[in-house]
Amino acid sequence: MERLTKPLSELKHLINLCLRQEPGCHDCQLRAVCVHRPDHTGCNWSAEVDFPERSEADAMRHWRQARRVLMMVRAQYNVGTAAQA
């Protein structure tokens, strides 16, 4: 499947929207999006998320859901080349 390209700002908005819709991830915060050369899957970005208002144990319980959201978005979108400049 070919990935769609989005400007970095739109991609961040999309990631946040998807995280808010995932049960257990409503308070998950997108910490960083790193744009890089395409990896082995063809995706040219990665992201870090955090649950700053939760204990470590509680955050770890919902980290899998957040990771699943990120993997789904990574499979569908790349950052457009104009956004990388």
Protein backbone atom coordinates (compact mmCIF):
# COMPACT_ATOMS: atom_id res chain seq x y z
CA MET A 1 0.00 0.00 0.00
CA GLU A 2 1.31 3.42 -0.96
CA ARG A 3 1.42 5.96 1.84
CA LEU A 4 -0.29 9.32 1.54
CA THR A 5 1.86 12.34 2.31
CA LYS A 6 0.89 15.03 4.81
CA PRO A 7 2.61 18.17 6.01
CA LEU A 8 4.17 17.61 9.44
CA SER A 9 1.62 19.85 11.20
CA GLU A 10 -1.30 17.90 9.69
CA LEU A 11 0.31 14.59 10.59
CA LYS A 12 0.71 15.69 14.23
CA HIS A 13 -2.94 16.76 14.32
CA LEU A 14 -4.02 13.43 12.83
CA ILE A 15 -1.95 11.43 15.34
CA ASN A 16 -3.44 13.39 18.25
CA LEU A 17 -6.96 12.89 16.90
CA CYS A 18 -6.43 9.14 16.52
CA LEU A 19 -4.94 8.86 20.01
CA ARG A 20 -7.90 10.72 21.57
CA GLN A 21 -10.31 8.26 19.93
CA GLU A 22 -8.50 5.16 21.23
CA PRO A 23 -9.90 3.82 24.52
CA GLY A 24 -7.36 4.36 27.29
CA CYS A 25 -5.41 6.99 25.31
CA HIS A 26 -7.61 10.07 25.75
CA ASP A 27 -4.92 11.82 27.82
CA CYS A 28 -1.93 10.52 25.86
CA GLN A 29 0.39 13.33 24.73
CA LEU A 30 2.37 13.36 21.53
CA ARG A 31 5.86 14.37 22.68
CA ALA A 32 7.80 14.42 19.41
CA VAL A 33 7.65 13.47 15.76
CA CYS A 34 11.00 12.79 14.14
CA VAL A 35 11.30 12.94 10.35
CA HIS A 36 14.03 10.73 8.91
CA ARG A 37 14.95 8.68 5.88
CA PRO A 38 12.45 5.91 5.16
CA ASP A 39 12.93 2.84 7.33
CA HIS A 40 12.55 -0.80 6.28
CA THR A 41 8.76 -0.32 6.04
CA GLY A 42 9.06 2.83 3.91
CA CYS A 43 7.87 5.16 6.65
CA ASN A 44 9.84 8.39 7.04
CA TRP A 45 8.83 9.42 10.55
CA SER A 46 8.54 8.11 14.09
CA ALA A 47 6.86 9.48 17.18
CA GLU A 48 7.10 9.48 20.95
CA VAL A 49 4.08 9.57 23.24
CA ASP A 50 3.67 9.92 26.99
CA PHE A 51 1.00 9.68 29.67
CA PRO A 52 2.30 12.47 31.96
CA GLU A 53 -0.64 12.47 34.39
CA ARG A 54 -0.42 8.74 35.14
CA SER A 55 1.73 6.47 37.21
CA GLU A 56 4.29 4.45 35.30
CA ALA A 57 2.32 1.24 35.83
CA ASP A 58 -0.91 2.80 34.57
CA ALA A 59 0.83 4.33 31.55
CA MET A 60 2.36 0.98 30.63
CA ARG A 61 -1.08 -0.64 30.67
CA HIS A 62 -2.23 1.68 27.86
CA TRP A 63 1.06 2.05 25.99
CA ARG A 64 0.16 -0.89 23.72
CA GLN A 65 -2.98 0.88 22.53
CA ALA A 66 -1.00 4.06 21.83
CA ARG A 67 1.65 2.08 19.96
CA ARG A 68 -1.04 0.36 17.88
CA VAL A 69 -2.41 3.79 16.90
CA LEU A 70 1.07 5.01 15.90
CA MET A 71 1.71 1.88 13.84
CA MET A 72 -1.62 2.29 12.04
CA VAL A 73 -0.86 5.93 11.17
CA ARG A 74 2.73 5.08 10.17
CA ALA A 75 1.38 2.44 7.76
CA GLN A 76 -0.84 5.02 6.04
CA TYR A 77 1.10 8.30 6.00
CA ASN A 78 4.49 9.82 5.37
CA VAL A 79 5.61 13.37 5.95
CA GLY A 80 5.62 15.26 2.65
CA THR A 81 9.01 16.39 1.36
CA ALA A 82 8.06 20.08 1.56
CA ALA A 83 7.48 19.67 5.30
CA GLN A 84 10.98 18.24 5.79
CA ALA A 85 12.78 21.41 4.65
